[in-house]
Amino acid sequence: MTHARVRIALHHLRLPIHVGGAAALVGALAGGFAIAFRAAQAAVFVHLYRAPNVLVAFASLPLPLRVLVPAAGGAVAAALAAWIGGERSMAEIMEAVAVAGRRISVPAALAKAGAS
C-alpha cells in the first residue's frame, strides 16, 4: 500500500489524535505493569521458595503440595470472584461485551478479571 493510500485510509477512520495518544499511554502502562508484576513474582519465588522461577520452585515441593498449592489458589480466586462479583459469571460478562446494548457493572468485571 502506498503512502498516499495509507493517508487516505487513515483519513476515513476520522479518529482524533488523542485516541492514538490514549492507546499509546494504555500500552505503555500495561507494559510497565507487566514488567513490575514479573519482578514482584520473581522476588516472591526467590524469597519464599529460594528458586529462580515457578518451575524450579514447584519441582522442589513434595508431591502433595504440588497439587494442593494450585488448588488452594483456584479456590481463593473462585471465592473472591463469587464474593465480589455477585451473580454474574465470566460467560455473562463476555456475552455483554460481544452483544451490543448489554450493560455490565464495572466492579463485577474488575472482580472477575482480578480473580482470573
N, C-alpha and C. Protein backbone atom coordinates (compact mmCIF):
# COMPACT_ATOMS: atom_id res chain seq x y z
N MET A 1 0.85 -1.17 0.00
CA MET A 1 0.00 0.00 0.00
C MET A 1 0.90 1.23 0.00
N THR A 2 0.61 2.16 -0.85
CA THR A 2 1.44 3.36 -0.95
C THR A 2 1.12 4.31 0.19
N HIS A 3 2.02 5.29 0.34
CA HIS A 3 1.86 6.27 1.41
C HIS A 3 0.56 7.06 1.25
N ALA A 4 0.24 7.41 0.02
CA ALA A 4 -0.99 8.17 -0.22
C ALA A 4 -2.22 7.36 0.14
N ARG A 5 -2.21 6.06 -0.18
CA ARG A 5 -3.37 5.22 0.16
C ARG A 5 -3.51 5.06 1.66
N VAL A 6 -2.39 4.93 2.34
CA VAL A 6 -2.44 4.82 3.80
C VAL A 6 -3.02 6.10 4.39
N ARG A 7 -2.57 7.27 3.88
CA ARG A 7 -3.08 8.54 4.38
C ARG A 7 -4.58 8.66 4.14
N ILE A 8 -5.03 8.23 2.97
CA ILE A 8 -6.47 8.28 2.66
C ILE A 8 -7.24 7.33 3.57
N ALA A 9 -6.69 6.12 3.78
CA ALA A 9 -7.36 5.14 4.65
C ALA A 9 -7.46 5.68 6.08
N LEU A 10 -6.39 6.29 6.57
CA LEU A 10 -6.41 6.85 7.92
C LEU A 10 -7.36 8.03 8.02
N HIS A 11 -7.46 8.81 6.93
CA HIS A 11 -8.38 9.95 6.93
C HIS A 11 -9.82 9.47 7.06
N HIS A 12 -10.14 8.33 6.44
CA HIS A 12 -11.51 7.82 6.50
C HIS A 12 -11.86 7.29 7.89
N LEU A 13 -10.86 6.92 8.67
CA LEU A 13 -11.14 6.47 10.04
C LEU A 13 -11.63 7.63 10.90
N ARG A 14 -11.13 8.82 10.65
CA ARG A 14 -11.52 10.04 11.36
C ARG A 14 -11.40 9.91 12.88
N LEU A 15 -10.34 9.26 13.30
CA LEU A 15 -10.10 9.16 14.73
C LEU A 15 -9.32 10.38 15.19
N PRO A 16 -9.72 10.98 16.28
CA PRO A 16 -8.95 12.11 16.80
C PRO A 16 -7.56 11.65 17.23
N ILE A 17 -6.64 12.59 17.23
CA ILE A 17 -5.27 12.29 17.61
C ILE A 17 -5.20 11.79 19.06
N HIS A 18 -6.05 12.29 19.94
CA HIS A 18 -5.97 11.89 21.34
C HIS A 18 -6.32 10.42 21.55
N VAL A 19 -7.03 9.79 20.60
CA VAL A 19 -7.31 8.36 20.72
C VAL A 19 -6.01 7.57 20.59
N GLY A 20 -5.19 7.97 19.61
CA GLY A 20 -3.90 7.30 19.45
C GLY A 20 -2.99 7.52 20.64
N GLY A 21 -3.02 8.73 21.18
CA GLY A 21 -2.23 9.02 22.37
C GLY A 21 -2.69 8.21 23.57
N ALA A 22 -4.01 8.08 23.71
CA ALA A 22 -4.55 7.28 24.81
C ALA A 22 -4.17 5.81 24.65
N ALA A 23 -4.22 5.32 23.42
CA ALA A 23 -3.84 3.93 23.17
C ALA A 23 -2.36 3.71 23.49
N ALA A 24 -1.52 4.66 23.12
CA ALA A 24 -0.10 4.55 23.43
C ALA A 24 0.14 4.59 24.93
N LEU A 25 -0.59 5.44 25.63
CA LEU A 25 -0.46 5.52 27.09
C LEU A 25 -0.89 4.23 27.76
N VAL A 26 -2.03 3.68 27.32
CA VAL A 26 -2.50 2.42 27.89
C VAL A 26 -1.50 1.30 27.62
N GLY A 27 -0.96 1.27 26.42
CA GLY A 27 0.05 0.25 26.09
C GLY A 27 1.29 0.38 26.95
N ALA A 28 1.76 1.62 27.14
CA ALA A 28 2.95 1.84 27.97
C ALA A 28 2.68 1.46 29.43
N LEU A 29 1.51 1.82 29.94
CA LEU A 29 1.16 1.46 31.32
C LEU A 29 1.04 -0.05 31.49
N ALA A 30 0.42 -0.71 30.51
CA ALA A 30 0.29 -2.17 30.59
C ALA A 30 1.66 -2.84 30.54
N GLY A 31 2.53 -2.34 29.68
CA GLY A 31 3.89 -2.88 29.63
C GLY A 31 4.63 -2.68 30.93
N GLY A 32 4.49 -1.49 31.52
CA GLY A 32 5.14 -1.23 32.80
C GLY A 32 4.59 -2.11 33.91
N PHE A 33 3.26 -2.32 33.89
CA PHE A 33 2.67 -3.21 34.89
C PHE A 33 3.18 -4.64 34.72
N ALA A 34 3.29 -5.09 33.47
CA ALA A 34 3.77 -6.46 33.22
C ALA A 34 5.20 -6.63 33.73
N ILE A 35 6.04 -5.64 33.50
CA ILE A 35 7.42 -5.71 33.99
C ILE A 35 7.45 -5.72 35.51
N ALA A 36 6.67 -4.86 36.14
CA ALA A 36 6.63 -4.81 37.61
C ALA A 36 6.08 -6.10 38.19
N PHE A 37 5.05 -6.66 37.54
CA PHE A 37 4.46 -7.92 38.02
C PHE A 37 5.48 -9.05 37.95
N ARG A 38 6.21 -9.14 36.84
CA ARG A 38 7.21 -10.21 36.70
C ARG A 38 8.33 -10.05 37.73
N ALA A 39 8.72 -8.81 38.00
CA ALA A 39 9.77 -8.57 39.00
C ALA A 39 9.28 -8.96 40.39
N ALA A 40 8.03 -8.61 40.71
CA ALA A 40 7.47 -8.99 42.01
C ALA A 40 7.33 -10.50 42.13
N GLN A 41 6.90 -11.13 41.05
CA GLN A 41 6.76 -12.59 41.05
C GLN A 41 8.11 -13.26 41.26
N ALA A 42 9.14 -12.78 40.59
CA ALA A 42 10.47 -13.34 40.76
C ALA A 42 10.96 -13.15 42.19
N ALA A 43 10.68 -11.99 42.78
CA ALA A 43 11.09 -11.76 44.17
C ALA A 43 10.39 -12.71 45.13
N VAL A 44 9.12 -12.98 44.89
CA VAL A 44 8.38 -13.91 45.75
C VAL A 44 8.99 -15.31 45.65
N PHE A 45 9.28 -15.75 44.43
CA PHE A 45 9.84 -17.09 44.29
C PHE A 45 11.23 -17.19 44.90
N VAL A 46 12.03 -16.15 44.78
CA VAL A 46 13.38 -16.18 45.35
C VAL A 46 13.31 -16.19 46.87
N HIS A 47 12.43 -15.37 47.45
CA HIS A 47 12.39 -15.26 48.92
C HIS A 47 11.57 -16.37 49.58
N LEU A 48 10.48 -16.80 48.93
CA LEU A 48 9.62 -17.80 49.54
C LEU A 48 10.11 -19.23 49.29
N TYR A 49 10.49 -19.50 48.04
CA TYR A 49 10.87 -20.86 47.67
C TYR A 49 12.38 -21.03 47.47
N ARG A 50 13.12 -19.94 47.49
CA ARG A 50 14.55 -19.96 47.19
C ARG A 50 14.81 -20.61 45.83
N ALA A 51 14.00 -20.19 44.86
CA ALA A 51 14.09 -20.72 43.50
C ALA A 51 13.96 -19.56 42.52
N PRO A 52 14.61 -19.65 41.34
CA PRO A 52 14.57 -18.54 40.40
C PRO A 52 13.25 -18.40 39.64
N ASN A 53 12.45 -19.47 39.57
CA ASN A 53 11.19 -19.39 38.82
C ASN A 53 10.20 -20.42 39.35
N VAL A 54 9.00 -20.39 38.81
CA VAL A 54 7.92 -21.26 39.29
C VAL A 54 8.22 -22.73 39.04
N LEU A 55 8.85 -23.04 37.93
CA LEU A 55 9.12 -24.44 37.61
C LEU A 55 10.08 -25.07 38.62
N VAL A 56 11.14 -24.37 38.92
CA VAL A 56 12.11 -24.88 39.90
C VAL A 56 11.48 -24.92 41.29
N ALA A 57 10.68 -23.91 41.60
CA ALA A 57 10.03 -23.86 42.92
C ALA A 57 9.10 -25.04 43.12
N PHE A 58 8.26 -25.33 42.14
CA PHE A 58 7.31 -26.42 42.30
C PHE A 58 7.98 -27.78 42.18
N ALA A 59 9.07 -27.88 41.46
CA ALA A 59 9.80 -29.15 41.39
C ALA A 59 10.40 -29.50 42.74
N SER A 60 10.69 -28.49 43.56
CA SER A 60 11.27 -28.75 44.87
C SER A 60 10.23 -29.09 45.93
N LEU A 61 8.95 -28.88 45.63
CA LEU A 61 7.90 -29.18 46.61
C LEU A 61 7.59 -30.68 46.63
N PRO A 62 7.13 -31.19 47.77
CA PRO A 62 6.67 -32.57 47.80
C PRO A 62 5.40 -32.72 46.94
N LEU A 63 5.16 -33.91 46.45
CA LEU A 63 4.06 -34.16 45.52
C LEU A 63 2.70 -33.68 46.03
N PRO A 64 2.32 -33.93 47.30
CA PRO A 64 1.01 -33.43 47.75
C PRO A 64 0.87 -31.91 47.65
N LEU A 65 1.95 -31.18 47.93
CA LEU A 65 1.88 -29.73 47.84
C LEU A 65 1.82 -29.25 46.39
N ARG A 66 2.39 -30.02 45.47
CA ARG A 66 2.29 -29.66 44.05
C ARG A 66 0.85 -29.67 43.57
N VAL A 67 0.02 -30.45 44.23
CA VAL A 67 -1.40 -30.50 43.89
C VAL A 67 -2.19 -29.49 44.73
N LEU A 68 -1.88 -29.39 46.00
CA LEU A 68 -2.66 -28.56 46.91
C LEU A 68 -2.45 -27.06 46.72
N VAL A 69 -1.24 -26.63 46.42
CA VAL A 69 -0.98 -25.18 46.27
C VAL A 69 -1.78 -24.58 45.11
N PRO A 70 -1.75 -25.16 43.89
CA PRO A 70 -2.59 -24.59 42.82
C PRO A 70 -4.09 -24.72 43.11
N ALA A 71 -4.49 -25.82 43.75
CA ALA A 71 -5.91 -25.98 44.07
C ALA A 71 -6.36 -24.92 45.08
N ALA A 72 -5.52 -24.62 46.05
CA ALA A 72 -5.85 -23.57 47.02
C ALA A 72 -5.93 -22.20 46.34
N GLY A 73 -5.03 -21.94 45.42
CA GLY A 73 -5.08 -20.68 44.66
C GLY A 73 -6.36 -20.57 43.85
N GLY A 74 -6.77 -21.66 43.23
CA GLY A 74 -8.03 -21.66 42.48
C GLY A 74 -9.23 -21.46 43.38
N ALA A 75 -9.20 -22.05 44.55
CA ALA A 75 -10.30 -21.88 45.49
C ALA A 75 -10.40 -20.44 45.98
N VAL A 76 -9.26 -19.82 46.26
CA VAL A 76 -9.25 -18.42 46.68
C VAL A 76 -9.78 -17.53 45.56
N ALA A 77 -9.34 -17.78 44.31
CA ALA A 77 -9.81 -16.97 43.18
C ALA A 77 -11.32 -17.13 42.97
N ALA A 78 -11.82 -18.36 43.08
CA ALA A 78 -13.25 -18.59 42.92
C ALA A 78 -14.06 -17.92 44.03
N ALA A 79 -13.56 -18.01 45.25
CA ALA A 79 -14.25 -17.36 46.37
C ALA A 79 -14.26 -15.85 46.21
N LEU A 80 -13.14 -15.29 45.77
CA LEU A 80 -13.05 -13.85 45.54
C LEU A 80 -14.01 -13.42 44.44
N ALA A 81 -14.07 -14.17 43.36
CA ALA A 81 -14.98 -13.83 42.26
C ALA A 81 -16.44 -13.93 42.69
N ALA A 82 -16.77 -14.93 43.47
CA ALA A 82 -18.15 -15.10 43.93
C ALA A 82 -18.52 -14.02 44.94
N TRP A 83 -17.59 -13.66 45.81
CA TRP A 83 -17.87 -12.69 46.86
C TRP A 83 -18.01 -11.27 46.30
N ILE A 84 -17.08 -10.87 45.43
CA ILE A 84 -17.09 -9.51 44.91
C ILE A 84 -17.96 -9.40 43.66
N GLY A 85 -17.93 -10.42 42.82
CA GLY A 85 -18.57 -10.33 41.52
C GLY A 85 -20.07 -10.50 41.53
N GLY A 86 -20.64 -10.97 42.58
CA GLY A 86 -22.08 -11.17 42.61
C GLY A 86 -22.50 -12.36 41.77
N GLU A 87 -23.68 -12.23 41.14
CA GLU A 87 -24.25 -13.37 40.42
C GLU A 87 -23.76 -13.48 38.99
N ARG A 88 -23.08 -12.49 38.48
CA ARG A 88 -22.62 -12.52 37.08
C ARG A 88 -21.46 -13.49 36.92
N SER A 89 -21.53 -14.31 35.88
CA SER A 89 -20.43 -15.22 35.59
C SER A 89 -19.54 -14.60 34.53
N MET A 90 -18.37 -15.17 34.31
CA MET A 90 -17.47 -14.67 33.29
C MET A 90 -18.09 -14.81 31.91
N ALA A 91 -18.86 -15.85 31.69
CA ALA A 91 -19.54 -16.02 30.39
C ALA A 91 -20.53 -14.89 30.14
N GLU A 92 -21.24 -14.47 31.18
CA GLU A 92 -22.18 -13.35 31.03
C GLU A 92 -21.47 -12.05 30.71
N ILE A 93 -20.31 -11.84 31.31
CA ILE A 93 -19.54 -10.64 31.03
C ILE A 93 -19.03 -10.66 29.60
N MET A 94 -18.54 -11.80 29.13
CA MET A 94 -18.07 -11.91 27.75
C MET A 94 -19.22 -11.71 26.77
N GLU A 95 -20.38 -12.24 27.09
CA GLU A 95 -21.55 -12.06 26.22
C GLU A 95 -21.97 -10.59 26.17
N ALA A 96 -21.91 -9.90 27.30
CA ALA A 96 -22.28 -8.49 27.33
C ALA A 96 -21.33 -7.65 26.48
N VAL A 97 -20.07 -8.05 26.44
CA VAL A 97 -19.11 -7.33 25.60
C VAL A 97 -19.40 -7.60 24.13
N ALA A 98 -19.75 -8.83 23.80
CA ALA A 98 -19.96 -9.21 22.40
C ALA A 98 -21.29 -8.70 21.85
N VAL A 99 -22.32 -8.66 22.66
CA VAL A 99 -23.66 -8.27 22.20
C VAL A 99 -23.87 -6.79 22.49
N ALA A 100 -24.20 -6.04 21.46
CA ALA A 100 -24.41 -4.61 21.64
C ALA A 100 -25.64 -4.37 22.51
N GLY A 101 -25.57 -3.36 23.34
CA GLY A 101 -26.71 -2.98 24.16
C GLY A 101 -26.74 -3.59 25.54
N ARG A 102 -25.91 -4.58 25.81
CA ARG A 102 -25.88 -5.18 27.14
C ARG A 102 -24.97 -4.37 28.04
N ARG A 103 -25.33 -4.24 29.28
CA ARG A 103 -24.55 -3.47 30.25
C ARG A 103 -23.99 -4.42 31.31
N ILE A 104 -22.78 -4.13 31.75
CA ILE A 104 -22.19 -4.87 32.86
C ILE A 104 -21.70 -3.86 33.89
N SER A 105 -21.65 -4.30 35.12
CA SER A 105 -21.15 -3.40 36.14
C SER A 105 -19.62 -3.44 36.15
N VAL A 106 -19.03 -2.30 36.34
CA VAL A 106 -17.57 -2.20 36.36
C VAL A 106 -16.99 -2.99 37.53
N PRO A 107 -17.55 -2.90 38.75
CA PRO A 107 -16.98 -3.70 39.84
C PRO A 107 -17.02 -5.20 39.58
N ALA A 108 -18.09 -5.69 38.97
CA ALA A 108 -18.18 -7.12 38.67
C ALA A 108 -17.13 -7.52 37.65
N ALA A 109 -16.96 -6.72 36.62
CA ALA A 109 -15.96 -7.02 35.60
C ALA A 109 -14.55 -6.99 36.17
N LEU A 110 -14.27 -6.00 37.02
CA LEU A 110 -12.93 -5.91 37.62
C LEU A 110 -12.68 -7.07 38.58
N ALA A 111 -13.70 -7.48 39.31
CA ALA A 111 -13.53 -8.60 40.24
C ALA A 111 -13.25 -9.88 39.49
N LYS A 112 -13.98 -10.10 38.41
CA LYS A 112 -13.77 -11.32 37.62
C LYS A 112 -12.39 -11.32 36.99
N ALA A 113 -11.97 -10.16 36.49
CA ALA A 113 -10.64 -10.07 35.88
C ALA A 113 -9.56 -10.25 36.93
N GLY A 114 -9.75 -9.68 38.09
CA GLY A 114 -8.77 -9.83 39.16
C GLY A 114 -8.68 -11.25 39.70
N ALA A 115 -9.79 -11.93 39.73
CA ALA A 115 -9.80 -13.30 40.23
C ALA A 115 -9.21 -14.27 39.25
N SER A 116 -9.20 -13.89 37.97
CA SER A 116 -8.63 -14.81 36.99
C SER A 116 -7.14 -14.64 36.97
